[in-house]
Amino acid sequence: MKKLIVNADDFGLAESINAGIIKGFKEGLITSTSLMCSAPAFADAVKLAEDCPKLGVGIHLTLVGSVAPVLPPEEVPSLVDGQGLFPDNYVSLAKNLYTGKLKISEVRRELSAQIERGLATGLHFTHLDSHQHIHVLPGLQDLTLELAHNYGFKAVRIPGEAYTWKGGFNCGLVRILGKCGLSFCSDLFRFKIKGTGIAAPDHFFGMVAGGHLNQQLVSCILMNLPEGVSEIMTHPGLEADALSRRFTWGYHWEDELQAFLAVENRTLVEKNDIQLINFGGLLNA
């Protein structure tokens, strides 16, 4: 049987992203989202999630993305820059991690604070994942499992897209190599969770084309979906022009949203007998 989680990342990063995610849930194929507990539009995201109890919600552990930590910056100085913000991307984070500049004790305290801020809302959380997939970096994998155990999370994302998968997306070698490096880290993480009681989807899509999914690329994924449980990661949003001025990632937020609203893709789900679930349903898959 084919089961599918469509998870929208960055819930809480901006109100227009929040609105796009909710539109994709109410009108399209999105089944799940990941809440950034230290992001500027956190309160707006929580309110929207409260009104959508069938939407699966995970916690998007965050140590990158130029957002502020939950804890005061002076309490986690190895995690922030001179403006008191996390580094822009995982490359900077990894450099600090592997040169010993990043203090794991501060990472533990900050990520615990993020989880506790999420739990304090009263929302039911289905899983853990992370912004730019930092939770599968060697050196942070054990901490991720520790946090999952401490706070009772029974499911995690494993962002390991098949090494040869491009799905019709035309990209350069650097992007492919980056995807393969992350998939290797994900393979290590999948091995590590065996026997821990923590579940994860069998397959992952949306990495090599991350931020650039469109109707055709999602159609290709749906037509080639393997047996078992798959996750498609997406980054939907509204007001793409405003988001592009604010963030420099080059994402196509409205195209990604439209891909999961499209009647053609919703029809493919029905024709191929694909069961839509969230991470909560993963435990029964």
C-alpha atoms as a PDB file:
ATOM      1  CA  MET A   1       0.000   0.000   0.000  1.00  0.00           C
ATOM      2  CA  LYS A   2       1.150   3.515  -0.793  1.00  0.00           C
ATOM      3  CA  LYS A   3       0.827   6.078   1.968  1.00  0.00           C
ATOM      4  CA  LEU A   4       1.893   9.708   1.684  1.00  0.00           C
ATOM      5  CA  ILE A   5       2.725  12.520   4.083  1.00  0.00           C
ATOM      6  CA  VAL A   6       2.877  15.966   2.471  1.00  0.00           C
ATOM      7  CA  ASN A   7       4.708  18.116   5.008  1.00  0.00           C
ATOM      8  CA  ALA A   8       4.930  21.896   4.671  1.00  0.00           C
ATOM      9  CA  ASP A   9       8.019  23.313   6.362  1.00  0.00           C
ATOM     10  CA  ASP A  10       8.611  26.682   8.056  1.00  0.00           C
ATOM     11  CA  PHE A  11       5.222  27.121   9.750  1.00  0.00           C
ATOM     12  CA  GLY A  12       5.678  30.237  11.841  1.00  0.00           C
ATOM     13  CA  LEU A  13       8.376  31.890   9.745  1.00  0.00           C
ATOM     14  CA  ALA A  14       6.020  34.450   8.147  1.00  0.00           C
ATOM     15  CA  GLU A  15       2.274  35.023   8.162  1.00  0.00           C
ATOM     16  CA  SER A  16       2.062  34.605   4.383  1.00  0.00           C
ATOM     17  CA  ILE A  17       3.818  31.238   4.675  1.00  0.00           C
ATOM     18  CA  ASN A  18       1.388  30.246   7.423  1.00  0.00           C
ATOM     19  CA  ALA A  19      -1.565  31.250   5.251  1.00  0.00           C
ATOM     20  CA  GLY A  20      -0.242  29.256   2.291  1.00  0.00           C
ATOM     21  CA  ILE A  21       0.215  26.145   4.409  1.00  0.00           C
ATOM     22  CA  ILE A  22      -3.332  26.340   5.761  1.00  0.00           C
ATOM     23  CA  LYS A  23      -4.737  26.895   2.269  1.00  0.00           C
ATOM     24  CA  GLY A  24      -2.846  23.831   1.044  1.00  0.00           C
ATOM     25  CA  PHE A  25      -4.245  21.799   3.931  1.00  0.00           C
ATOM     26  CA  LYS A  26      -7.849  22.931   3.547  1.00  0.00           C
ATOM     27  CA  GLU A  27      -7.992  22.843  -0.252  1.00  0.00           C
ATOM     28  CA  GLY A  28      -5.210  20.527  -1.355  1.00  0.00           C
ATOM     29  CA  LEU A  29      -2.937  17.618  -0.508  1.00  0.00           C
ATOM     30  CA  ILE A  30      -0.949  19.014   2.437  1.00  0.00           C
ATOM     31  CA  THR A  31      -1.429  16.840   5.514  1.00  0.00           C
ATOM     32  CA  SER A  32       1.303  17.983   7.872  1.00  0.00           C
ATOM     33  CA  THR A  33       3.469  20.952   8.811  1.00  0.00           C
ATOM     34  CA  SER A  34       6.488  21.789  10.968  1.00  0.00           C
ATOM     35  CA  LEU A  35       6.324  24.610  13.504  1.00  0.00           C
ATOM     36  CA  MET A  36       9.319  26.897  14.052  1.00  0.00           C
ATOM     37  CA  CYS A  37       9.006  27.741  17.731  1.00  0.00           C
ATOM     38  CA  SER A  38      11.478  30.626  17.659  1.00  0.00           C
ATOM     39  CA  ALA A  39      10.238  32.260  14.453  1.00  0.00           C
ATOM     40  CA  PRO A  40       8.487  35.655  14.185  1.00  0.00           C
ATOM     41  CA  ALA A  41       5.025  34.376  13.154  1.00  0.00           C
ATOM     42  CA  PHE A  42       4.901  31.587  15.759  1.00  0.00           C
ATOM     43  CA  ALA A  43       1.803  32.937  17.545  1.00  0.00           C
ATOM     44  CA  ASP A  44      -0.099  33.283  14.258  1.00  0.00           C
ATOM     45  CA  ALA A  45       0.821  29.708  13.307  1.00  0.00           C
ATOM     46  CA  VAL A  46      -0.367  28.351  16.659  1.00  0.00           C
ATOM     47  CA  LYS A  47      -3.732  30.086  16.297  1.00  0.00           C
ATOM     48  CA  LEU A  48      -4.193  28.678  12.792  1.00  0.00           C
ATOM     49  CA  ALA A  49      -3.219  25.173  13.918  1.00  0.00           C
ATOM     50  CA  GLU A  50      -5.731  25.308  16.764  1.00  0.00           C
ATOM     51  CA  ASP A  51      -8.462  25.817  14.162  1.00  0.00           C
ATOM     52  CA  CYS A  52      -7.243  22.827  12.091  1.00  0.00           C
ATOM     53  CA  PRO A  53      -7.107  19.854  14.492  1.00  0.00           C
ATOM     54  CA  LYS A  54      -6.670  17.309  11.663  1.00  0.00           C
ATOM     55  CA  LEU A  55      -3.503  19.006  10.435  1.00  0.00           C
ATOM     56  CA  GLY A  56      -0.456  17.089  11.662  1.00  0.00           C
ATOM     57  CA  VAL A  57       2.013  19.416  13.366  1.00  0.00           C
ATOM     58  CA  GLY A  58       5.646  18.665  14.129  1.00  0.00           C
ATOM     59  CA  ILE A  59       8.360  20.778  15.710  1.00  0.00           C
ATOM     60  CA  HIS A  60      10.915  22.226  13.293  1.00  0.00           C
ATOM     61  CA  LEU A  61      14.090  22.339  15.403  1.00  0.00           C
ATOM     62  CA  THR A  62      15.928  25.506  14.415  1.00  0.00           C
ATOM     63  CA  LEU A  63      19.585  26.507  14.703  1.00  0.00           C
ATOM     64  CA  VAL A  64      19.937  28.314  11.358  1.00  0.00           C
ATOM     65  CA  GLY A  65      18.007  30.734   9.174  1.00  0.00           C
ATOM     66  CA  SER A  66      18.932  34.089  10.751  1.00  0.00           C
ATOM     67  CA  VAL A  67      16.126  33.903  13.310  1.00  0.00           C
ATOM     68  CA  ALA A  68      16.490  34.538  17.025  1.00  0.00           C
ATOM     69  CA  PRO A  69      16.707  31.742  19.585  1.00  0.00           C
ATOM     70  CA  VAL A  70      14.015  31.158  22.188  1.00  0.00           C
ATOM     71  CA  LEU A  71      16.575  31.621  24.961  1.00  0.00           C
ATOM     72  CA  PRO A  72      18.245  35.006  25.475  1.00  0.00           C
ATOM     73  CA  PRO A  73      21.230  35.200  23.080  1.00  0.00           C
ATOM     74  CA  GLU A  74      23.634  35.758  25.957  1.00  0.00           C
ATOM     75  CA  GLU A  75      22.693  32.317  27.310  1.00  0.00           C
ATOM     76  CA  VAL A  76      23.638  30.564  24.046  1.00  0.00           C
ATOM     77  CA  PRO A  77      26.548  32.641  22.677  1.00  0.00           C
ATOM     78  CA  SER A  78      28.048  29.807  20.617  1.00  0.00           C
ATOM     79  CA  LEU A  79      24.805  29.520  18.627  1.00  0.00           C
ATOM     80  CA  VAL A  80      24.365  33.139  17.532  1.00  0.00           C
ATOM     81  CA  ASP A  81      26.139  35.916  15.662  1.00  0.00           C
ATOM     82  CA  GLY A  82      26.807  39.494  16.735  1.00  0.00           C
ATOM     83  CA  GLN A  83      23.140  40.388  16.161  1.00  0.00           C
ATOM     84  CA  GLY A  84      21.949  37.591  18.421  1.00  0.00           C
ATOM     85  CA  LEU A  85      20.651  35.493  15.495  1.00  0.00           C
ATOM     86  CA  PHE A  86      21.342  31.960  14.333  1.00  0.00           C
ATOM     87  CA  PRO A  87      23.704  31.661  11.320  1.00  0.00           C
ATOM     88  CA  ASP A  88      22.097  31.902   7.909  1.00  0.00           C
ATOM     89  CA  ASN A  89      22.681  28.305   6.810  1.00  0.00           C
ATOM     90  CA  TYR A  90      23.756  24.819   7.806  1.00  0.00           C
ATOM     91  CA  VAL A  91      27.238  25.260   6.268  1.00  0.00           C
ATOM     92  CA  SER A  92      28.132  27.857   8.903  1.00  0.00           C
ATOM     93  CA  LEU A  93      26.553  25.712  11.610  1.00  0.00           C
ATOM     94  CA  ALA A  94      28.465  22.601  10.522  1.00  0.00           C
ATOM     95  CA  LYS A  95      31.734  24.528  10.448  1.00  0.00           C
ATOM     96  CA  ASN A  96      31.177  25.670  14.031  1.00  0.00           C
ATOM     97  CA  LEU A  97      30.092  22.181  15.076  1.00  0.00           C
ATOM     98  CA  TYR A  98      33.086  20.356  13.635  1.00  0.00           C
ATOM     99  CA  THR A  99      35.662  22.924  14.756  1.00  0.00           C
ATOM    100  CA  GLY A 100      34.423  22.733  18.332  1.00  0.00           C
ATOM    101  CA  LYS A 101      33.040  26.284  18.453  1.00  0.00           C
ATOM    102  CA  LEU A 102      29.467  25.071  18.902  1.00  0.00           C
ATOM    103  CA  LYS A 103      28.715  23.990  22.460  1.00  0.00           C
ATOM    104  CA  ILE A 104      26.426  20.958  22.564  1.00  0.00           C
ATOM    105  CA  SER A 105      25.252  21.947  26.042  1.00  0.00           C
ATOM    106  CA  GLU A 106      23.902  25.199  24.579  1.00  0.00           C
ATOM    107  CA  VAL A 107      22.326  23.343  21.643  1.00  0.00           C
ATOM    108  CA  ARG A 108      20.572  21.013  24.097  1.00  0.00           C
ATOM    109  CA  ARG A 109      19.228  23.901  26.178  1.00  0.00           C
ATOM    110  CA  GLU A 110      18.026  25.891  23.172  1.00  0.00           C
ATOM    111  CA  LEU A 111      16.330  22.992  21.389  1.00  0.00           C
ATOM    112  CA  SER A 112      14.732  21.911  24.671  1.00  0.00           C
ATOM    113  CA  ALA A 113      13.419  25.464  25.085  1.00  0.00           C
ATOM    114  CA  GLN A 114      11.977  25.376  21.556  1.00  0.00           C
ATOM    115  CA  ILE A 115      10.195  22.084  22.216  1.00  0.00           C
ATOM    116  CA  GLU A 116       8.888  23.314  25.562  1.00  0.00           C
ATOM    117  CA  ARG A 117       7.572  26.508  23.977  1.00  0.00           C
ATOM    118  CA  GLY A 118       5.709  24.372  21.468  1.00  0.00           C
ATOM    119  CA  LEU A 119       4.330  21.997  24.082  1.00  0.00           C
ATOM    120  CA  ALA A 120       3.159  24.934  26.192  1.00  0.00           C
ATOM    121  CA  THR A 121       0.667  25.838  23.446  1.00  0.00           C
ATOM    122  CA  GLY A 122      -1.331  22.676  24.131  1.00  0.00           C
ATOM    123  CA  LEU A 123      -1.044  21.543  20.510  1.00  0.00           C
ATOM    124  CA  HIS A 124      -0.590  17.833  19.855  1.00  0.00           C
ATOM    125  CA  PHE A 125       2.711  17.266  18.059  1.00  0.00           C
ATOM    126  CA  THR A 126       3.294  14.339  15.727  1.00  0.00           C
ATOM    127  CA  HIS A 127       7.041  14.405  15.026  1.00  0.00           C
ATOM    128  CA  LEU A 128      10.404  16.150  15.083  1.00  0.00           C
ATOM    129  CA  ASP A 129      12.290  17.511  12.087  1.00  0.00           C
ATOM    130  CA  SER A 130      14.506  20.548  11.585  1.00  0.00           C
ATOM    131  CA  HIS A 131      15.236  23.668   9.580  1.00  0.00           C
ATOM    132  CA  GLN A 132      17.774  22.778   6.868  1.00  0.00           C
ATOM    133  CA  HIS A 133      17.847  19.228   8.285  1.00  0.00           C
ATOM    134  CA  ILE A 134      20.434  19.935  10.959  1.00  0.00           C
ATOM    135  CA  HIS A 135      19.039  17.099  13.094  1.00  0.00           C
ATOM    136  CA  VAL A 136      20.678  14.466  10.866  1.00  0.00           C
ATOM    137  CA  LEU A 137      24.150  16.012  10.955  1.00  0.00           C
ATOM    138  CA  PRO A 138      26.650  13.661  12.604  1.00  0.00           C
ATOM    139  CA  GLY A 139      27.273  15.173  16.002  1.00  0.00           C
ATOM    140  CA  LEU A 140      23.622  16.187  16.438  1.00  0.00           C
ATOM    141  CA  GLN A 141      21.911  12.861  15.712  1.00  0.00           C
ATOM    142  CA  ASP A 142      22.310  11.503  19.248  1.00  0.00           C
ATOM    143  CA  LEU A 143      20.983  14.737  20.711  1.00  0.00           C
ATOM    144  CA  THR A 144      17.942  14.545  18.428  1.00  0.00           C
ATOM    145  CA  LEU A 145      17.168  11.054  19.708  1.00  0.00           C
ATOM    146  CA  GLU A 146      17.733  12.196  23.289  1.00  0.00           C
ATOM    147  CA  LEU A 147      15.234  15.023  22.829  1.00  0.00           C
ATOM    148  CA  ALA A 148      12.718  12.723  21.139  1.00  0.00           C
ATOM    149  CA  HIS A 149      12.970  10.320  24.077  1.00  0.00           C
ATOM    150  CA  ASN A 150      12.823  13.035  26.746  1.00  0.00           C
ATOM    151  CA  TYR A 151       9.725  14.681  25.280  1.00  0.00           C
ATOM    152  CA  GLY A 152       7.893  11.604  24.037  1.00  0.00           C
ATOM    153  CA  PHE A 153       8.174  12.055  20.271  1.00  0.00           C
ATOM    154  CA  LYS A 154       7.578   8.799  18.420  1.00  0.00           C
ATOM    155  CA  ALA A 155       8.367   9.885  14.847  1.00  0.00           C
ATOM    156  CA  VAL A 156      11.064  11.841  13.020  1.00  0.00           C
ATOM    157  CA  ARG A 157      11.816  12.946   9.485  1.00  0.00           C
ATOM    158  CA  ILE A 158      14.634  11.225   7.650  1.00  0.00           C
ATOM    159  CA  PRO A 159      15.417  13.486   4.644  1.00  0.00           C
ATOM    160  CA  GLY A 160      17.177  10.811   2.608  1.00  0.00           C
ATOM    161  CA  GLU A 161      16.081  11.165  -1.006  1.00  0.00           C
ATOM    162  CA  ALA A 162      17.231   8.360  -3.328  1.00  0.00           C
ATOM    163  CA  TYR A 163      20.713   9.156  -4.633  1.00  0.00           C
ATOM    164  CA  THR A 164      19.743   8.905  -8.313  1.00  0.00           C
ATOM    165  CA  TRP A 165      16.360  10.655  -8.054  1.00  0.00           C
ATOM    166  CA  LYS A 166      15.946  13.903  -9.987  1.00  0.00           C
ATOM    167  CA  GLY A 167      12.291  13.501 -10.941  1.00  0.00           C
ATOM    168  CA  GLY A 168      12.547  15.750 -13.984  1.00  0.00           C
ATOM    169  CA  PHE A 169      14.228  18.615 -12.107  1.00  0.00           C
ATOM    170  CA  ASN A 170      17.105  20.197 -14.033  1.00  0.00           C
ATOM    171  CA  CYS A 171      19.833  21.148 -11.582  1.00  0.00           C
ATOM    172  CA  GLY A 172      23.586  21.437 -11.354  1.00  0.00           C
ATOM    173  CA  LEU A 173      26.195  19.131  -9.879  1.00  0.00           C
ATOM    174  CA  VAL A 174      26.593  21.152  -6.673  1.00  0.00           C
ATOM    175  CA  ARG A 175      22.931  20.695  -5.775  1.00  0.00           C
ATOM    176  CA  ILE A 176      23.082  16.972  -6.550  1.00  0.00           C
ATOM    177  CA  LEU A 177      26.205  16.514  -4.431  1.00  0.00           C
ATOM    178  CA  GLY A 178      24.576  18.410  -1.568  1.00  0.00           C
ATOM    179  CA  LYS A 179      21.514  16.172  -1.782  1.00  0.00           C
ATOM    180  CA  CYS A 180      23.671  13.039  -1.810  1.00  0.00           C
ATOM    181  CA  GLY A 181      25.651  14.220   1.218  1.00  0.00           C
ATOM    182  CA  LEU A 182      22.454  14.788   3.152  1.00  0.00           C
ATOM    183  CA  SER A 183      21.109  11.409   2.035  1.00  0.00           C
ATOM    184  CA  PHE A 184      24.267   9.757   3.365  1.00  0.00           C
ATOM    185  CA  CYS A 185      23.785  11.460   6.742  1.00  0.00           C
ATOM    186  CA  SER A 186      20.152  10.343   6.646  1.00  0.00           C
ATOM    187  CA  ASP A 187      21.190   6.737   6.032  1.00  0.00           C
ATOM    188  CA  LEU A 188      23.356   6.898   9.153  1.00  0.00           C
ATOM    189  CA  PHE A 189      20.455   8.353  11.115  1.00  0.00           C
ATOM    190  CA  ARG A 190      18.035   5.671   9.874  1.00  0.00           C
ATOM    191  CA  PHE A 191      20.443   3.007  11.114  1.00  0.00           C
ATOM    192  CA  LYS A 192      20.738   4.810  14.461  1.00  0.00           C
ATOM    193  CA  ILE A 193      16.980   4.869  15.146  1.00  0.00           C
ATOM    194  CA  LYS A 194      16.582   1.119  14.666  1.00  0.00           C
ATOM    195  CA  GLY A 195      15.412  -0.454  17.891  1.00  0.00           C
ATOM    196  CA  THR A 196      14.639   2.888  19.548  1.00  0.00           C
ATOM    197  CA  GLY A 197      10.859   2.745  19.018  1.00  0.00           C
ATOM    198  CA  ILE A 198      10.996   5.879  16.869  1.00  0.00           C
ATOM    199  CA  ALA A 199       9.343   5.660  13.447  1.00  0.00           C
ATOM    200  CA  ALA A 200      10.130   7.404  10.166  1.00  0.00           C
ATOM    201  CA  PRO A 201       8.748   7.284   6.626  1.00  0.00           C
ATOM    202  CA  ASP A 202      10.326   4.754   4.275  1.00  0.00           C
ATOM    203  CA  HIS A 203      10.969   7.232   1.458  1.00  0.00           C
ATOM    204  CA  PHE A 204      11.565  10.974   1.062  1.00  0.00           C
ATOM    205  CA  PHE A 205      11.020  13.394  -1.830  1.00  0.00           C
ATOM    206  CA  GLY A 206      11.455  17.123  -2.329  1.00  0.00           C
ATOM    207  CA  MET A 207      15.148  17.552  -1.580  1.00  0.00           C
ATOM    208  CA  VAL A 208      16.900  17.990  -4.907  1.00  0.00           C
ATOM    209  CA  ALA A 209      14.020  20.228  -6.062  1.00  0.00           C
ATOM    210  CA  GLY A 210      13.517  21.837  -2.644  1.00  0.00           C
ATOM    211  CA  GLY A 211      11.931  25.256  -2.986  1.00  0.00           C
ATOM    212  CA  HIS A 212      11.330  24.648  -6.700  1.00  0.00           C
ATOM    213  CA  LEU A 213       8.531  22.079  -6.783  1.00  0.00           C
ATOM    214  CA  ASN A 214       5.768  22.687  -9.301  1.00  0.00           C
ATOM    215  CA  GLN A 215       2.757  20.804 -10.589  1.00  0.00           C
ATOM    216  CA  GLN A 216       4.765  18.714 -13.053  1.00  0.00           C
ATOM    217  CA  LEU A 217       7.485  17.742 -10.580  1.00  0.00           C
ATOM    218  CA  VAL A 218       4.923  16.695  -7.980  1.00  0.00           C
ATOM    219  CA  SER A 219       3.052  14.732 -10.653  1.00  0.00           C
ATOM    220  CA  CYS A 220       6.267  12.869 -11.388  1.00  0.00           C
ATOM    221  CA  ILE A 221       6.696  11.999  -7.706  1.00  0.00           C
ATOM    222  CA  LEU A 222       3.099  10.800  -7.423  1.00  0.00           C
ATOM    223  CA  MET A 223       3.358   8.630 -10.534  1.00  0.00           C
ATOM    224  CA  ASN A 224       6.576   7.044  -9.245  1.00  0.00           C
ATOM    225  CA  LEU A 225       5.615   6.768  -5.582  1.00  0.00           C
ATOM    226  CA  PRO A 226       6.926   3.468  -4.153  1.00  0.00           C
ATOM    227  CA  GLU A 227       5.110   1.098  -1.850  1.00  0.00           C
ATOM    228  CA  GLY A 228       5.243   1.971   1.838  1.00  0.00           C
ATOM    229  CA  VAL A 229       5.170   5.390   3.478  1.00  0.00           C
ATOM    230  CA  SER A 230       6.650   8.379   1.652  1.00  0.00           C
ATOM    231  CA  GLU A 231       7.094  12.000   2.687  1.00  0.00           C
ATOM    232  CA  ILE A 232       7.121  14.917   0.288  1.00  0.00           C
ATOM    233  CA  MET A 233       8.660  18.060   1.765  1.00  0.00           C
ATOM    234  CA  THR A 234       7.282  21.348   0.468  1.00  0.00           C
ATOM    235  CA  HIS A 235       7.605  25.073   1.124  1.00  0.00           C
ATOM    236  CA  PRO A 236       4.291  26.706   0.178  1.00  0.00           C
ATOM    237  CA  GLY A 237       3.340  30.306   0.761  1.00  0.00           C
ATOM    238  CA  LEU A 238       1.418  33.319  -0.487  1.00  0.00           C
ATOM    239  CA  GLU A 239       2.706  36.759  -1.505  1.00  0.00           C
ATOM    240  CA  ALA A 240       5.796  35.275  -3.136  1.00  0.00           C
ATOM    241  CA  ASP A 241       7.219  38.627  -4.237  1.00  0.00           C
ATOM    242  CA  ALA A 242       7.263  39.925  -0.670  1.00  0.00           C
ATOM    243  CA  LEU A 243       8.782  36.664   0.581  1.00  0.00           C
ATOM    244  CA  SER A 244      11.496  36.837  -2.088  1.00  0.00           C
ATOM    245  CA  ARG A 245      12.461  40.315  -0.916  1.00  0.00           C
ATOM    246  CA  ARG A 246      12.691  39.068   2.655  1.00  0.00           C
ATOM    247  CA  PHE A 247      14.451  35.730   2.061  1.00  0.00           C
ATOM    248  CA  THR A 248      17.285  35.092  -0.396  1.00  0.00           C
ATOM    249  CA  TRP A 249      16.699  31.375  -0.984  1.00  0.00           C
ATOM    250  CA  GLY A 250      15.081  31.727  -4.413  1.00  0.00           C
ATOM    251  CA  TYR A 251      12.096  29.618  -3.391  1.00  0.00           C
ATOM    252  CA  HIS A 252       8.934  29.444  -5.514  1.00  0.00           C
ATOM    253  CA  TRP A 253       6.406  29.474  -2.688  1.00  0.00           C
ATOM    254  CA  GLU A 254       3.257  29.999  -4.751  1.00  0.00           C
ATOM    255  CA  ASP A 255       4.284  27.393  -7.357  1.00  0.00           C
ATOM    256  CA  GLU A 256       4.811  24.846  -4.580  1.00  0.00           C
ATOM    257  CA  LEU A 257       1.402  25.640  -3.115  1.00  0.00           C
ATOM    258  CA  GLN A 258      -0.286  25.357  -6.507  1.00  0.00           C
ATOM    259  CA  ALA A 259       1.336  21.961  -7.067  1.00  0.00           C
ATOM    260  CA  PHE A 260      -0.645  20.552  -4.144  1.00  0.00           C
ATOM    261  CA  LEU A 261      -3.840  22.416  -4.992  1.00  0.00           C
ATOM    262  CA  ALA A 262      -3.874  21.245  -8.619  1.00  0.00           C
ATOM    263  CA  VAL A 263      -6.850  19.081  -9.552  1.00  0.00           C
ATOM    264  CA  GLU A 264      -4.572  16.960 -11.748  1.00  0.00           C
ATOM    265  CA  ASN A 265      -2.393  15.961  -8.791  1.00  0.00           C
ATOM    266  CA  ARG A 266      -5.342  15.369  -6.505  1.00  0.00           C
ATOM    267  CA  THR A 267      -6.735  13.072  -9.214  1.00  0.00           C
ATOM    268  CA  LEU A 268      -3.424  11.198  -9.409  1.00  0.00           C
ATOM    269  CA  VAL A 269      -3.625  10.512  -5.681  1.00  0.00           C
ATOM    270  CA  GLU A 270      -7.075   8.990  -6.125  1.00  0.00           C
ATOM    271  CA  LYS A 271      -6.220   7.021  -9.290  1.00  0.00           C
ATOM    272  CA  ASN A 272      -3.093   5.519  -7.726  1.00  0.00           C
ATOM    273  CA  ASP A 273      -4.906   4.636  -4.493  1.00  0.00           C
ATOM    274  CA  ILE A 274      -2.518   6.737  -2.388  1.00  0.00           C
ATOM    275  CA  GLN A 275      -3.623   7.160   1.220  1.00  0.00           C
ATOM    276  CA  LEU A 276      -2.870  10.593   2.659  1.00  0.00           C
ATOM    277  CA  ILE A 277      -1.691  10.553   6.278  1.00  0.00           C
ATOM    278  CA  ASN A 278       0.381  12.689   8.642  1.00  0.00           C
ATOM    279  CA  PHE A 279       3.182  11.572  10.948  1.00  0.00           C
ATOM    280  CA  GLY A 280       0.602  10.559  13.527  1.00  0.00           C
ATOM    281  CA  GLY A 281      -0.673   7.922  11.111  1.00  0.00           C
ATOM    282  CA  LEU A 282       2.881   6.711  10.507  1.00  0.00           C
ATOM    283  CA  LEU A 283       2.833   4.730  13.739  1.00  0.00           C
ATOM    284  CA  ASN A 284      -0.042   2.620  12.394  1.00  0.00           C
ATOM    285  CA  ALA A 285       1.324   2.287   8.865  1.00  0.00           C
END
